Amino acid sequence: MVKFLTSFYFVFLIYSTFIRQHESQIAKEKLTEIEIIVEYNNQDIVYRGILNPITIVAKNNIEYVAKGIGLKKIDQGNYEMVPQSGKEVIIYVTGKLTNGKNFEISKTLKIKNLSSGISQFNGRNSKKSIIKLSKTELSSGKVSYDFPDLLINGLSAKVIGFKIKLPGKNVQKVYGNRIKSTLLLKDIQKMKRGSKVQIFDIKITSSILGYGSLRICKISPILLQITS
């Protein structure tokens, strides 16, 4: 009897080990044959308020179905997601492997709000303190707009105009991202040390490469102070 139980236990161990290895192999096959990719970045982040392209790569022509709140199929392997409320969204993929086994995998994506960017002058911003610079730097400087908090590949912004206010002078319109007016440049050279300048009503065009324009609701002004 003891010998029988010992033999049974030995067979059970072998069978259990085989099952675990088989399940492990299936799990590996699921991970290697299905991949969910966020096109904008590789951080598993999607942004509220815009279309987020999602690609699902299935090797060996695996049949699958993908579901998720806000997920829409465009064509084979290509999806778009418009995140709803909450901080996370889950994409579920179910289907059948090449060995005939059914599978279900999921991927959790973080949802972030599409925050406004930062207006800059010569790569500096006045978000926390006024920008101090010389009259020469002001005359030759460039206004730009950046999105430091957005992890979106292909995101760009171009400044096409702004308004500038010098002390004791009327507001002047500037076209492009640099000061080119001869009269305005002469007025800058006449400014005294400590004079403050405001750049505001900045106009930009912004887009995501391959996915069209992006609307920016609020663009912050830039505050400058002449040091020399």
C-alpha atoms as a PDB file:
ATOM      1  CA  MET A   1       0.000   0.000   0.000  1.00  0.00           C
ATOM      2  CA  VAL A   2       2.807   2.355   0.951  1.00  0.00           C
ATOM      3  CA  LYS A   3       4.625   1.481  -2.255  1.00  0.00           C
ATOM      4  CA  PHE A   4       1.471   2.216  -4.267  1.00  0.00           C
ATOM      5  CA  LEU A   5       0.981   5.600  -2.584  1.00  0.00           C
ATOM      6  CA  THR A   6       4.620   6.487  -3.156  1.00  0.00           C
ATOM      7  CA  SER A   7       4.331   5.632  -6.861  1.00  0.00           C
ATOM      8  CA  PHE A   8       1.061   7.599  -7.139  1.00  0.00           C
ATOM      9  CA  TYR A   9       2.617  10.652  -5.486  1.00  0.00           C
ATOM     10  CA  PHE A  10       5.620  10.444  -7.836  1.00  0.00           C
ATOM     11  CA  VAL A  11       3.351  10.302 -10.904  1.00  0.00           C
ATOM     12  CA  PHE A  12       1.288  13.219  -9.539  1.00  0.00           C
ATOM     13  CA  LEU A  13       4.422  15.352  -9.132  1.00  0.00           C
ATOM     14  CA  ILE A  14       5.483  14.650 -12.712  1.00  0.00           C
ATOM     15  CA  TYR A  15       1.994  15.480 -14.011  1.00  0.00           C
ATOM     16  CA  SER A  16       1.805  18.722 -11.959  1.00  0.00           C
ATOM     17  CA  THR A  17       5.217  19.805 -13.215  1.00  0.00           C
ATOM     18  CA  PHE A  18       4.134  19.118 -16.804  1.00  0.00           C
ATOM     19  CA  ILE A  19       0.935  21.182 -16.332  1.00  0.00           C
ATOM     20  CA  ARG A  20       2.843  24.127 -14.851  1.00  0.00           C
ATOM     21  CA  GLN A  21       5.382  24.071 -17.666  1.00  0.00           C
ATOM     22  CA  HIS A  22       2.591  23.848 -20.238  1.00  0.00           C
ATOM     23  CA  GLU A  23       0.718  26.793 -18.707  1.00  0.00           C
ATOM     24  CA  SER A  24       3.951  28.761 -18.530  1.00  0.00           C
ATOM     25  CA  GLN A  25       4.581  28.074 -22.212  1.00  0.00           C
ATOM     26  CA  ILE A  26       1.069  29.273 -23.091  1.00  0.00           C
ATOM     27  CA  ALA A  27       1.601  32.442 -21.044  1.00  0.00           C
ATOM     28  CA  LYS A  28       4.891  33.120 -22.833  1.00  0.00           C
ATOM     29  CA  GLU A  29       3.238  32.533 -26.186  1.00  0.00           C
ATOM     30  CA  LYS A  30       0.507  35.043 -25.322  1.00  0.00           C
ATOM     31  CA  LEU A  31       3.045  37.691 -24.357  1.00  0.00           C
ATOM     32  CA  THR A  32       5.270  37.207 -27.386  1.00  0.00           C
ATOM     33  CA  GLU A  33       2.555  36.883 -30.020  1.00  0.00           C
ATOM     34  CA  ILE A  34       0.350  39.834 -28.967  1.00  0.00           C
ATOM     35  CA  GLU A  35       1.663  43.369 -28.373  1.00  0.00           C
ATOM     36  CA  ILE A  36      -0.318  46.539 -27.587  1.00  0.00           C
ATOM     37  CA  ILE A  37       1.528  49.718 -28.596  1.00  0.00           C
ATOM     38  CA  VAL A  38       0.661  53.348 -27.807  1.00  0.00           C
ATOM     39  CA  GLU A  39       1.813  55.227 -30.904  1.00  0.00           C
ATOM     40  CA  TYR A  40       2.294  58.660 -29.286  1.00  0.00           C
ATOM     41  CA  ASN A  41       4.842  57.398 -26.747  1.00  0.00           C
ATOM     42  CA  ASN A  42       6.291  54.304 -25.142  1.00  0.00           C
ATOM     43  CA  GLN A  43       5.145  55.228 -21.632  1.00  0.00           C
ATOM     44  CA  ASP A  44       1.690  53.553 -21.781  1.00  0.00           C
ATOM     45  CA  ILE A  45       0.005  56.967 -21.485  1.00  0.00           C
ATOM     46  CA  VAL A  46      -3.067  58.228 -23.348  1.00  0.00           C
ATOM     47  CA  TYR A  47      -4.370  61.808 -23.287  1.00  0.00           C
ATOM     48  CA  ARG A  48      -7.880  62.978 -22.661  1.00  0.00           C
ATOM     49  CA  GLY A  49      -9.431  65.178 -25.357  1.00  0.00           C
ATOM     50  CA  ILE A  50      -7.542  63.840 -28.381  1.00  0.00           C
ATOM     51  CA  LEU A  51      -7.482  60.705 -30.523  1.00  0.00           C
ATOM     52  CA  ASN A  52      -4.737  58.386 -29.286  1.00  0.00           C
ATOM     53  CA  PRO A  53      -3.593  55.911 -31.974  1.00  0.00           C
ATOM     54  CA  ILE A  54      -3.150  52.358 -30.670  1.00  0.00           C
ATOM     55  CA  THR A  55      -1.540  49.512 -32.606  1.00  0.00           C
ATOM     56  CA  ILE A  56      -2.079  45.856 -31.742  1.00  0.00           C
ATOM     57  CA  VAL A  57       0.528  43.590 -33.265  1.00  0.00           C
ATOM     58  CA  ALA A  58      -0.503  39.941 -33.645  1.00  0.00           C
ATOM     59  CA  LYS A  59       2.116  37.500 -34.924  1.00  0.00           C
ATOM     60  CA  ASN A  60       1.288  34.397 -36.962  1.00  0.00           C
ATOM     61  CA  ASN A  61      -2.108  35.827 -37.976  1.00  0.00           C
ATOM     62  CA  ILE A  62      -3.639  35.160 -34.571  1.00  0.00           C
ATOM     63  CA  GLU A  63      -7.359  35.874 -34.445  1.00  0.00           C
ATOM     64  CA  TYR A  64      -8.280  38.311 -31.687  1.00  0.00           C
ATOM     65  CA  VAL A  65     -10.819  40.869 -30.509  1.00  0.00           C
ATOM     66  CA  ALA A  66      -9.805  44.055 -28.662  1.00  0.00           C
ATOM     67  CA  LYS A  67     -12.127  45.952 -26.349  1.00  0.00           C
ATOM     68  CA  GLY A  68     -11.824  48.927 -24.040  1.00  0.00           C
ATOM     69  CA  ILE A  69     -13.753  52.037 -23.007  1.00  0.00           C
ATOM     70  CA  GLY A  70     -13.225  54.650 -25.726  1.00  0.00           C
ATOM     71  CA  LEU A  71     -11.417  52.192 -28.044  1.00  0.00           C
ATOM     72  CA  LYS A  72     -12.457  52.213 -31.717  1.00  0.00           C
ATOM     73  CA  LYS A  73     -11.161  49.950 -34.478  1.00  0.00           C
ATOM     74  CA  ILE A  74      -9.970  51.741 -37.629  1.00  0.00           C
ATOM     75  CA  ASP A  75      -8.685  48.744 -39.591  1.00  0.00           C
ATOM     76  CA  GLN A  76      -6.749  45.554 -38.946  1.00  0.00           C
ATOM     77  CA  GLY A  77      -4.349  46.188 -36.079  1.00  0.00           C
ATOM     78  CA  ASN A  78      -5.052  49.938 -35.907  1.00  0.00           C
ATOM     79  CA  TYR A  79      -7.247  51.538 -33.271  1.00  0.00           C
ATOM     80  CA  GLU A  80      -8.003  54.962 -31.816  1.00  0.00           C
ATOM     81  CA  MET A  81      -8.770  55.663 -28.200  1.00  0.00           C
ATOM     82  CA  VAL A  82     -10.551  58.670 -26.717  1.00  0.00           C
ATOM     83  CA  PRO A  83     -10.132  58.298 -22.943  1.00  0.00           C
ATOM     84  CA  GLN A  84     -13.160  59.003 -20.759  1.00  0.00           C
ATOM     85  CA  SER A  85     -13.234  59.728 -17.027  1.00  0.00           C
ATOM     86  CA  GLY A  86     -10.851  58.204 -14.509  1.00  0.00           C
ATOM     87  CA  LYS A  87      -7.108  57.841 -14.198  1.00  0.00           C
ATOM     88  CA  GLU A  88      -6.705  54.541 -16.050  1.00  0.00           C
ATOM     89  CA  VAL A  89      -8.203  52.591 -18.928  1.00  0.00           C
ATOM     90  CA  ILE A  90      -7.776  48.890 -19.666  1.00  0.00           C
ATOM     91  CA  ILE A  91      -7.555  47.299 -23.102  1.00  0.00           C
ATOM     92  CA  TYR A  92      -8.627  43.648 -23.208  1.00  0.00           C
ATOM     93  CA  VAL A  93      -7.525  41.351 -26.021  1.00  0.00           C
ATOM     94  CA  THR A  94      -9.084  37.895 -26.396  1.00  0.00           C
ATOM     95  CA  GLY A  95      -8.555  35.290 -29.093  1.00  0.00           C
ATOM     96  CA  LYS A  96      -7.068  31.960 -30.049  1.00  0.00           C
ATOM     97  CA  LEU A  97      -3.401  31.015 -30.165  1.00  0.00           C
ATOM     98  CA  THR A  98      -1.710  28.995 -32.904  1.00  0.00           C
ATOM     99  CA  ASN A  99      -1.958  25.911 -30.678  1.00  0.00           C
ATOM    100  CA  GLY A 100      -5.736  26.279 -30.536  1.00  0.00           C
ATOM    101  CA  LYS A 101      -5.853  27.533 -26.951  1.00  0.00           C
ATOM    102  CA  ASN A 102      -8.043  30.505 -26.075  1.00  0.00           C
ATOM    103  CA  PHE A 103      -6.370  33.438 -24.360  1.00  0.00           C
ATOM    104  CA  GLU A 104      -7.152  36.770 -22.750  1.00  0.00           C
ATOM    105  CA  ILE A 105      -4.617  39.478 -21.967  1.00  0.00           C
ATOM    106  CA  SER A 106      -4.984  43.064 -20.828  1.00  0.00           C
ATOM    107  CA  LYS A 107      -2.956  46.257 -20.705  1.00  0.00           C
ATOM    108  CA  THR A 108      -3.543  49.164 -18.342  1.00  0.00           C
ATOM    109  CA  LEU A 109      -2.896  52.661 -19.698  1.00  0.00           C
ATOM    110  CA  LYS A 110      -2.618  55.823 -17.624  1.00  0.00           C
ATOM    111  CA  ILE A 111      -4.918  58.713 -18.563  1.00  0.00           C
ATOM    112  CA  LYS A 112      -3.539  62.244 -18.434  1.00  0.00           C
ATOM    113  CA  ASN A 113      -5.146  65.579 -19.197  1.00  0.00           C
ATOM    114  CA  LEU A 114      -3.846  67.517 -22.185  1.00  0.00           C
ATOM    115  CA  SER A 115      -2.211  70.353 -20.270  1.00  0.00           C
ATOM    116  CA  SER A 116      -1.219  73.646 -21.854  1.00  0.00           C
ATOM    117  CA  GLY A 117       2.402  74.236 -22.726  1.00  0.00           C
ATOM    118  CA  ILE A 118       4.745  77.052 -21.727  1.00  0.00           C
ATOM    119  CA  SER A 119       5.586  80.232 -23.618  1.00  0.00           C
ATOM    120  CA  GLN A 120       9.316  80.852 -23.815  1.00  0.00           C
ATOM    121  CA  PHE A 121      11.776  83.526 -24.865  1.00  0.00           C
ATOM    122  CA  ASN A 122      15.181  82.218 -25.891  1.00  0.00           C
ATOM    123  CA  GLY A 123      14.268  78.896 -24.275  1.00  0.00           C
ATOM    124  CA  ARG A 124      13.385  80.484 -20.906  1.00  0.00           C
ATOM    125  CA  ASN A 125       9.971  81.037 -19.336  1.00  0.00           C
ATOM    126  CA  SER A 126       8.628  83.491 -16.757  1.00  0.00           C
ATOM    127  CA  LYS A 127       6.332  81.007 -15.038  1.00  0.00           C
ATOM    128  CA  LYS A 128       8.095  81.357 -11.680  1.00  0.00           C
ATOM    129  CA  SER A 129      10.120  84.551 -12.108  1.00  0.00           C
ATOM    130  CA  ILE A 130      10.635  87.379 -14.581  1.00  0.00           C
ATOM    131  CA  ILE A 131      13.208  86.744 -17.326  1.00  0.00           C
ATOM    132  CA  LYS A 132      16.210  89.068 -17.021  1.00  0.00           C
ATOM    133  CA  LEU A 133      18.151  89.790 -20.199  1.00  0.00           C
ATOM    134  CA  SER A 134      20.037  92.463 -22.132  1.00  0.00           C
ATOM    135  CA  LYS A 135      18.638  94.729 -24.859  1.00  0.00           C
ATOM    136  CA  THR A 136      20.736  92.806 -27.392  1.00  0.00           C
ATOM    137  CA  GLU A 137      19.216  89.505 -26.258  1.00  0.00           C
ATOM    138  CA  LEU A 138      15.722  90.966 -26.558  1.00  0.00           C
ATOM    139  CA  SER A 139      16.423  92.316 -30.033  1.00  0.00           C
ATOM    140  CA  SER A 140      17.734  89.026 -31.382  1.00  0.00           C
ATOM    141  CA  GLY A 141      15.690  86.606 -29.283  1.00  0.00           C
ATOM    142  CA  LYS A 142      12.985  84.181 -30.328  1.00  0.00           C
ATOM    143  CA  VAL A 143       9.535  83.457 -28.913  1.00  0.00           C
ATOM    144  CA  SER A 144       8.663  79.758 -28.749  1.00  0.00           C
ATOM    145  CA  TYR A 145       6.151  77.384 -27.195  1.00  0.00           C
ATOM    146  CA  ASP A 146       6.946  74.041 -25.582  1.00  0.00           C
ATOM    147  CA  PHE A 147       5.079  71.092 -24.032  1.00  0.00           C
ATOM    148  CA  PRO A 148       7.406  69.777 -21.296  1.00  0.00           C
ATOM    149  CA  ASP A 149       4.699  67.699 -19.582  1.00  0.00           C
ATOM    150  CA  LEU A 150       3.331  65.945 -22.658  1.00  0.00           C
ATOM    151  CA  LEU A 151       4.921  62.701 -23.808  1.00  0.00           C
ATOM    152  CA  ILE A 152       3.645  62.789 -27.377  1.00  0.00           C
ATOM    153  CA  ASN A 153       5.952  61.922 -30.248  1.00  0.00           C
ATOM    154  CA  GLY A 154       5.702  64.307 -33.196  1.00  0.00           C
ATOM    155  CA  LEU A 155       4.068  67.117 -31.178  1.00  0.00           C
ATOM    156  CA  SER A 156       5.183  70.557 -32.364  1.00  0.00           C
ATOM    157  CA  ALA A 157       4.197  74.201 -32.028  1.00  0.00           C
ATOM    158  CA  LYS A 158       5.125  77.187 -34.183  1.00  0.00           C
ATOM    159  CA  VAL A 159       4.755  80.811 -33.064  1.00  0.00           C
ATOM    160  CA  ILE A 160       3.247  82.866 -35.892  1.00  0.00           C
ATOM    161  CA  GLY A 161       2.802  86.181 -34.070  1.00  0.00           C
ATOM    162  CA  PHE A 162       2.578  88.060 -30.771  1.00  0.00           C
ATOM    163  CA  LYS A 163       2.116  91.476 -29.214  1.00  0.00           C
ATOM    164  CA  ILE A 164       4.797  93.351 -27.288  1.00  0.00           C
ATOM    165  CA  LYS A 165       4.507  96.261 -24.831  1.00  0.00           C
ATOM    166  CA  LEU A 166       7.531  98.458 -24.090  1.00  0.00           C
ATOM    167  CA  PRO A 167       7.473 101.078 -21.297  1.00  0.00           C
ATOM    168  CA  GLY A 168       5.864 104.329 -22.470  1.00  0.00           C
ATOM    169  CA  LYS A 169       5.085 102.892 -25.926  1.00  0.00           C
ATOM    170  CA  ASN A 170       1.953 101.618 -27.598  1.00  0.00           C
ATOM    171  CA  VAL A 171       1.382  97.919 -28.011  1.00  0.00           C
ATOM    172  CA  GLN A 172       3.027  96.617 -31.186  1.00  0.00           C
ATOM    173  CA  LYS A 173       2.075  93.580 -33.260  1.00  0.00           C
ATOM    174  CA  VAL A 174       4.860  91.264 -34.361  1.00  0.00           C
ATOM    175  CA  TYR A 175       4.453  88.696 -37.138  1.00  0.00           C
ATOM    176  CA  GLY A 176       6.519  85.552 -36.820  1.00  0.00           C
ATOM    177  CA  ASN A 177       8.570  84.580 -33.763  1.00  0.00           C
ATOM    178  CA  ARG A 178      11.181  87.361 -33.809  1.00  0.00           C
ATOM    179  CA  ILE A 179      11.221  91.163 -33.634  1.00  0.00           C
ATOM    180  CA  LYS A 180      12.066  92.506 -37.089  1.00  0.00           C
ATOM    181  CA  SER A 181      10.638  96.040 -37.101  1.00  0.00           C
ATOM    182  CA  THR A 182      13.423  98.629 -37.360  1.00  0.00           C
ATOM    183  CA  LEU A 183      11.445 101.163 -35.298  1.00  0.00           C
ATOM    184  CA  LEU A 184      10.734  98.613 -32.571  1.00  0.00           C
ATOM    185  CA  LEU A 185      14.390  97.579 -32.438  1.00  0.00           C
ATOM    186  CA  LYS A 186      15.406 101.259 -32.051  1.00  0.00           C
ATOM    187  CA  ASP A 187      12.912 101.670 -29.191  1.00  0.00           C
ATOM    188  CA  ILE A 188      14.422  98.653 -27.467  1.00  0.00           C
ATOM    189  CA  GLN A 189      17.904 100.181 -27.637  1.00  0.00           C
ATOM    190  CA  LYS A 190      16.566 103.328 -25.914  1.00  0.00           C
ATOM    191  CA  MET A 191      15.223 101.388 -22.923  1.00  0.00           C
ATOM    192  CA  LYS A 192      16.803 101.876 -19.515  1.00  0.00           C
ATOM    193  CA  ARG A 193      18.117  99.228 -17.163  1.00  0.00           C
ATOM    194  CA  GLY A 194      15.291  97.736 -15.086  1.00  0.00           C
ATOM    195  CA  SER A 195      12.657  98.417 -17.758  1.00  0.00           C
ATOM    196  CA  LYS A 196       9.992  95.724 -18.009  1.00  0.00           C
ATOM    197  CA  VAL A 197       8.609  94.266 -21.231  1.00  0.00           C
ATOM    198  CA  GLN A 198       5.522  92.154 -21.736  1.00  0.00           C
ATOM    199  CA  ILE A 199       4.966  89.714 -24.601  1.00  0.00           C
ATOM    200  CA  PHE A 200       1.383  88.488 -24.814  1.00  0.00           C
ATOM    201  CA  ASP A 201      -1.447  87.401 -27.113  1.00  0.00           C
ATOM    202  CA  ILE A 202       0.940  84.828 -28.555  1.00  0.00           C
ATOM    203  CA  LYS A 203      -0.449  83.085 -31.623  1.00  0.00           C
ATOM    204  CA  ILE A 204       0.676  79.543 -32.390  1.00  0.00           C
ATOM    205  CA  THR A 205      -0.108  76.673 -34.705  1.00  0.00           C
ATOM    206  CA  SER A 206       0.286  73.265 -33.122  1.00  0.00           C
ATOM    207  CA  SER A 207       0.021  69.774 -34.560  1.00  0.00           C
ATOM    208  CA  ILE A 208       0.837  66.133 -33.992  1.00  0.00           C
ATOM    209  CA  LEU A 209       2.781  64.584 -36.859  1.00  0.00           C
ATOM    210  CA  GLY A 210       0.410  62.536 -38.981  1.00  0.00           C
ATOM    211  CA  TYR A 211      -2.685  63.352 -36.910  1.00  0.00           C
ATOM    212  CA  GLY A 212      -3.545  66.975 -37.678  1.00  0.00           C
ATOM    213  CA  SER A 213      -3.849  70.151 -35.645  1.00  0.00           C
ATOM    214  CA  LEU A 214      -4.066  70.503 -31.879  1.00  0.00           C
ATOM    215  CA  ARG A 215      -6.082  73.231 -30.195  1.00  0.00           C
ATOM    216  CA  ILE A 216      -4.366  75.143 -27.369  1.00  0.00           C
ATOM    217  CA  CYS A 217      -6.859  77.025 -25.228  1.00  0.00           C
ATOM    218  CA  LYS A 218      -4.631  79.120 -22.964  1.00  0.00           C
ATOM    219  CA  ILE A 219      -1.241  80.624 -23.815  1.00  0.00           C
ATOM    220  CA  SER A 220       0.608  82.362 -21.003  1.00  0.00           C
ATOM    221  CA  PRO A 221       2.333  85.767 -21.483  1.00  0.00           C
ATOM    222  CA  ILE A 222       6.086  86.322 -21.072  1.00  0.00           C
ATOM    223  CA  LEU A 223       7.479  88.925 -18.671  1.00  0.00           C
ATOM    224  CA  LEU A 224      10.959  90.341 -19.297  1.00  0.00           C
ATOM    225  CA  GLN A 225      13.269  92.808 -17.525  1.00  0.00           C
ATOM    226  CA  ILE A 226      16.222  94.630 -19.106  1.00  0.00           C
ATOM    227  CA  THR A 227      19.516  94.290 -17.209  1.00  0.00           C
ATOM    228  CA  SER A 228      21.874  96.121 -19.562  1.00  0.00           C
END
